[in-house]
Protein backbone atom coordinates (compact mmCIF):
# COMPACT_ATOMS: atom_id res chain seq x y z
CA MET A 1 -28.85 24.07 -11.72
CA VAL A 2 -29.63 20.40 -11.17
CA ASN A 3 -31.42 19.05 -8.13
CA ARG A 4 -30.33 15.41 -7.81
CA VAL A 5 -27.20 13.78 -9.21
CA ALA A 6 -26.20 10.13 -8.91
CA VAL A 7 -22.42 9.68 -8.98
CA LEU A 8 -21.02 6.37 -10.19
CA SER A 9 -17.26 5.88 -10.06
CA ASP A 10 -14.77 3.13 -10.80
CA ILE A 11 -17.21 0.74 -12.45
CA HIS A 12 -14.26 -1.18 -13.91
CA GLY A 13 -16.25 -3.12 -16.44
CA VAL A 14 -18.50 -5.00 -14.00
CA LEU A 15 -21.92 -5.26 -15.61
CA PRO A 16 -23.96 -6.91 -12.80
CA ALA A 17 -22.89 -4.26 -10.28
CA LEU A 18 -23.67 -1.46 -12.70
CA GLU A 19 -27.08 -2.92 -13.52
CA ALA A 20 -27.92 -3.15 -9.82
CA VAL A 21 -27.13 0.53 -9.25
CA LEU A 22 -28.94 1.72 -12.36
CA ALA A 23 -32.05 -0.08 -11.09
CA GLU A 24 -32.04 1.89 -7.82
CA PRO A 25 -35.15 4.14 -7.69
CA ASP A 26 -33.07 7.17 -6.69
CA VAL A 27 -30.77 6.64 -9.67
CA VAL A 28 -33.73 6.21 -12.01
CA ALA A 29 -35.23 9.45 -10.64
CA ALA A 30 -31.99 11.47 -10.66
CA ASP A 31 -31.74 14.43 -12.99
CA LEU A 32 -28.28 13.31 -14.08
CA ILE A 33 -25.83 10.46 -13.67
CA VAL A 34 -22.17 11.50 -13.47
CA LEU A 35 -19.39 8.98 -14.10
CA THR A 36 -16.11 9.87 -12.45
CA GLY A 37 -13.80 7.63 -14.44
CA ASP A 38 -12.34 4.13 -14.64
CA ILE A 39 -15.44 2.98 -16.44
CA ALA A 40 -14.47 0.05 -18.63
CA ALA A 41 -11.17 -1.47 -17.47
CA GLY A 42 -12.45 -4.81 -16.28
CA PRO A 43 -13.99 -8.09 -17.44
CA GLN A 44 -17.07 -6.74 -19.31
CA PRO A 45 -15.90 -3.51 -20.96
CA VAL A 46 -17.99 -3.60 -24.12
CA GLU A 47 -21.22 -4.39 -22.30
CA VAL A 48 -20.70 -1.69 -19.67
CA LEU A 49 -19.96 1.00 -22.24
CA ASP A 50 -22.95 0.00 -24.36
CA LEU A 51 -25.31 0.12 -21.39
CA LEU A 52 -24.11 3.56 -20.32
CA ALA A 53 -24.21 4.89 -23.89
CA SER A 54 -27.83 3.73 -24.16
CA LEU A 55 -28.76 6.22 -21.43
CA GLY A 56 -27.87 9.12 -23.71
CA ASP A 57 -27.88 12.61 -22.27
CA ARG A 58 -28.79 11.39 -18.78
CA VAL A 59 -25.11 10.57 -18.33
CA CYS A 60 -22.21 13.01 -17.93
CA TRP A 61 -18.90 11.24 -18.57
CA VAL A 62 -15.55 12.10 -16.95
CA GLY A 63 -12.43 10.09 -17.73
CA GLY A 64 -10.04 8.33 -15.39
CA ASN A 65 -6.53 6.99 -15.62
CA ALA A 66 -7.75 3.49 -16.51
CA ASP A 67 -9.83 4.85 -19.39
CA ARG A 68 -6.79 6.71 -20.68
CA GLU A 69 -4.71 3.56 -20.32
CA LEU A 70 -7.20 1.59 -22.42
CA VAL A 71 -6.79 4.10 -25.23
CA GLU A 72 -3.02 4.00 -24.87
CA ALA A 73 -2.98 0.19 -24.86
CA ARG A 74 -5.05 0.16 -28.03
CA ALA A 75 -2.42 2.44 -29.58
CA GLY A 76 0.38 0.02 -28.71
CA ARG A 77 1.46 1.25 -25.27
CA PRO A 78 0.53 -1.62 -22.94
CA ALA A 79 -0.82 -0.97 -19.46
CA SER A 80 0.74 -2.47 -16.36
CA ILE A 81 -2.50 -4.31 -15.51
CA GLU A 82 -3.38 -7.46 -17.43
CA VAL A 83 -7.13 -6.93 -17.51
CA SER A 84 -6.66 -3.47 -19.04
CA ASN A 85 -4.65 -4.82 -21.95
CA TRP A 86 -7.25 -7.50 -22.53
CA ALA A 87 -10.12 -5.02 -22.26
CA ALA A 88 -8.46 -2.64 -24.72
CA GLY A 89 -8.46 -5.40 -27.29
CA GLN A 90 -12.20 -6.04 -26.84
CA LEU A 91 -13.40 -2.50 -27.46
CA ARG A 92 -14.90 -1.36 -30.74
CA ASP A 93 -13.32 1.60 -32.48
CA ASP A 94 -16.27 3.84 -31.55
CA GLN A 95 -15.82 2.93 -27.89
CA VAL A 96 -12.11 3.70 -28.00
CA ALA A 97 -12.96 7.06 -29.58
CA ARG A 98 -15.47 7.80 -26.83
CA LEU A 99 -12.92 7.05 -24.12
CA ALA A 100 -10.26 9.12 -25.89
CA ALA A 101 -12.60 12.12 -25.93
CA LEU A 102 -13.57 12.03 -22.25
CA PRO A 103 -12.93 15.28 -20.36
CA ALA A 104 -10.78 15.28 -17.25
CA THR A 105 -13.34 17.29 -15.27
CA ALA A 106 -16.93 18.48 -15.39
CA THR A 107 -18.56 21.26 -13.37
CA LEU A 108 -22.22 21.54 -12.41
CA GLU A 109 -24.32 23.77 -10.18
CA ILE A 110 -26.10 21.42 -7.76
CA ASP A 111 -28.88 22.38 -5.41
CA GLY A 112 -27.51 22.73 -1.88
CA LEU A 113 -23.90 22.04 -2.89
CA GLY A 114 -23.15 24.98 -5.17
CA ARG A 115 -20.58 24.79 -7.92
CA THR A 116 -19.40 21.19 -7.96
CA LEU A 117 -16.35 19.91 -9.80
CA PHE A 118 -16.19 16.24 -10.77
CA CYS A 119 -12.86 14.57 -11.49
CA HIS A 120 -11.33 11.12 -11.24
CA ALA A 121 -8.42 11.45 -8.81
CA THR A 122 -7.78 15.17 -8.28
CA PRO A 123 -8.76 18.21 -10.33
CA ARG A 124 -5.26 18.42 -11.80
CA ASP A 125 -4.29 14.76 -12.33
CA ASP A 126 -6.13 11.52 -13.11
CA GLU A 127 -3.99 9.24 -10.93
CA GLU A 128 -2.90 11.41 -8.01
CA VAL A 129 -3.82 9.99 -4.59
CA VAL A 130 -5.63 11.80 -1.80
CA LEU A 131 -7.36 9.93 0.99
CA VAL A 132 -9.90 10.64 3.69
CA ASP A 133 -7.05 11.15 6.17
CA SER A 134 -4.66 13.06 3.90
CA ARG A 135 -3.13 16.01 5.70
CA LEU A 136 -4.43 19.48 4.95
CA ALA A 137 -1.17 20.55 3.32
CA ARG A 138 -1.62 17.75 0.79
CA TRP A 139 -5.16 18.86 0.02
CA ALA A 140 -3.96 22.45 -0.40
CA GLU A 141 -1.36 21.20 -2.86
CA VAL A 142 -3.79 19.24 -5.07
CA PHE A 143 -6.40 22.03 -4.95
CA ASP A 144 -3.89 24.75 -5.83
CA GLY A 145 -5.34 26.88 -8.61
CA LEU A 146 -8.89 25.58 -8.15
CA PRO A 147 -11.33 28.49 -8.50
CA ALA A 148 -12.59 29.76 -5.17
CA GLU A 149 -16.19 29.45 -6.32
CA VAL A 150 -15.89 25.64 -6.48
CA ALA A 151 -17.64 24.67 -3.26
CA THR A 152 -17.65 20.89 -3.70
CA VAL A 153 -15.21 18.45 -5.30
CA VAL A 154 -16.27 14.91 -6.19
CA CYS A 155 -13.52 12.41 -6.95
CA GLY A 156 -13.02 8.66 -7.22
CA HIS A 157 -9.87 6.60 -7.90
CA THR A 158 -9.23 5.15 -4.43
CA HIS A 159 -12.39 2.99 -4.31
CA MET A 160 -13.30 4.02 -0.74
CA PRO A 161 -16.31 6.23 0.07
CA TYR A 162 -16.05 9.30 2.26
CA ALA A 163 -17.23 12.88 2.66
CA ARG A 164 -15.11 15.47 4.49
CA LEU A 165 -14.48 19.19 4.72
CA VAL A 166 -11.20 20.63 3.49
CA ASP A 167 -10.86 24.29 4.48
CA ARG A 168 -14.58 24.98 3.99
CA ARG A 169 -14.76 22.99 0.74
CA LEU A 170 -16.70 19.71 0.73
CA VAL A 171 -14.93 16.68 -0.78
CA VAL A 172 -16.88 13.55 -1.69
CA ASN A 173 -15.69 10.16 -2.90
CA PRO A 174 -18.57 7.84 -3.81
CA GLY A 175 -16.48 4.65 -3.61
CA SER A 176 -16.41 2.04 -6.35
CA ILE A 177 -19.13 0.23 -8.26
CA GLY A 178 -17.02 -2.67 -9.49
CA MET A 179 -13.91 -2.89 -7.28
CA PRO A 180 -14.89 -1.83 -3.74
CA TYR A 181 -12.30 -1.80 -0.98
CA GLY A 182 -13.72 -2.34 2.48
CA GLY A 183 -16.98 -4.16 1.80
CA ALA A 184 -18.88 -5.96 -0.95
CA GLY A 185 -21.64 -4.19 -2.85
CA ALA A 186 -21.74 -1.33 -5.32
CA TRP A 187 -20.92 2.01 -3.69
CA TRP A 188 -22.14 5.31 -5.13
CA ALA A 189 -23.34 8.74 -4.02
CA LEU A 190 -26.50 10.78 -4.33
CA LEU A 191 -25.98 14.54 -4.37
CA GLY A 192 -28.43 17.38 -3.79
CA PRO A 193 -29.35 19.09 -1.61
CA GLY A 194 -27.01 17.13 0.68
CA VAL A 195 -24.71 14.15 0.25
CA GLN A 196 -25.77 10.54 0.69
CA LEU A 197 -23.14 7.81 0.46
CA ARG A 198 -25.02 4.78 -0.74
CA ARG A 199 -24.36 1.05 -1.09
CA THR A 200 -26.36 -1.20 -3.38
CA ALA A 201 -26.37 -4.83 -2.31
CA PHE A 202 -26.64 -7.54 -4.97
CA ASP A 203 -26.17 -11.29 -5.14
CA VAL A 204 -22.38 -11.47 -5.19
CA ASP A 205 -22.28 -15.22 -5.80
CA ALA A 206 -24.53 -14.86 -8.83
CA ALA A 207 -22.58 -11.86 -10.08
CA CYS A 208 -19.27 -13.70 -9.82
CA ALA A 209 -20.72 -16.67 -11.67
CA ARG A 210 -22.12 -14.41 -14.36
CA VAL A 211 -18.84 -12.56 -14.90
CA ALA A 212 -17.00 -15.88 -15.13
CA ALA A 213 -19.52 -17.21 -17.65
CA GLU A 214 -19.99 -14.12 -19.80
CA SER A 215 -16.46 -12.67 -19.96
CA SER A 216 -13.76 -14.11 -22.20
CA PHE A 217 -11.03 -12.67 -19.98
CA PRO A 218 -8.94 -15.75 -19.06
CA ASP A 219 -8.82 -14.86 -15.36
CA ALA A 220 -12.40 -13.59 -15.12
CA ALA A 221 -13.44 -15.98 -12.34
CA ALA A 222 -10.44 -15.13 -10.14
CA TRP A 223 -10.81 -11.41 -10.89
CA ALA A 224 -14.47 -11.44 -9.86
CA ASP A 225 -13.72 -13.47 -6.74
CA GLU A 226 -11.09 -10.95 -5.66
CA TYR A 227 -12.87 -7.72 -6.43
CA LEU A 228 -16.62 -8.34 -6.33
CA ARG A 229 -16.19 -10.02 -2.96
CA SER A 230 -14.09 -7.04 -1.81
CA GLN A 231 -11.27 -9.16 -0.50
CA HIS A 232 -9.16 -6.01 0.01
CA SER A 233 -10.19 -4.08 3.11
CA ASP A 234 -10.14 -0.33 3.52
CA VAL A 235 -7.16 -0.78 5.85
CA ASP A 236 -5.31 -2.72 3.14
CA ALA A 237 -6.05 0.03 0.64
CA LEU A 238 -5.02 2.87 2.95
CA ILE A 239 -1.72 1.14 3.69
CA ALA A 240 -1.10 0.56 -0.02
CA PHE A 241 -2.11 4.06 -1.13
CA GLY A 242 -0.66 5.99 1.79
CA PRO A 243 2.87 6.46 0.40
CA ARG A 244 1.38 7.89 -2.80
CA ASP A 245 -0.12 10.86 -0.96
CA GLY A 246 3.31 11.81 0.36
CA ARG A 247 2.98 10.62 3.93
């Protein structure tokens, strides 16, 4: 049983945003930090992985589709996203091995929330889409086979924070650290005994300038301007993702 868990999802290789969240007092005081995937696919992959690895056993790692795609790109199967192919080429062999070994899920007993399953997209697939307004039949489909004793599911992937009930089961998405849709800042969640959806503000101008200066990704400045400034709204994202949840 753990009392307090900080959930960080979809960091996407953005070091200044990650540093800002890790400096939060409630993250420092948490019993555990859980990563729910898409950790390194972005402009500062090596630095982000090294910082998280330095935290040792305080971090529980779960893999996402972008982490898998980095490993695949390193093995000669390019990703469809330019920054992922670039990031794959930056990683050290030990970092590729770490990403290749990431589990698809992790389960913890959390005070007040019961048995809690962490995944990237859904418990059965690392790139399946479910949204805050997905219909109940869709949720039943993606939760098919999930043990009844799992009281809470924590997922990422869609970069938009929410908490909702699905047939008595609590579902939480912490939002994204490095590529938020709907508002600038680094979005995360604090679990136990309840759920707090949190946003860490940081100097976005300074962060964009730092990514542009420190990353060798050719389009680092434009990438940071698009994603750290959250130029895609939650409405944009829901419209884009909606067809992928079967609606």
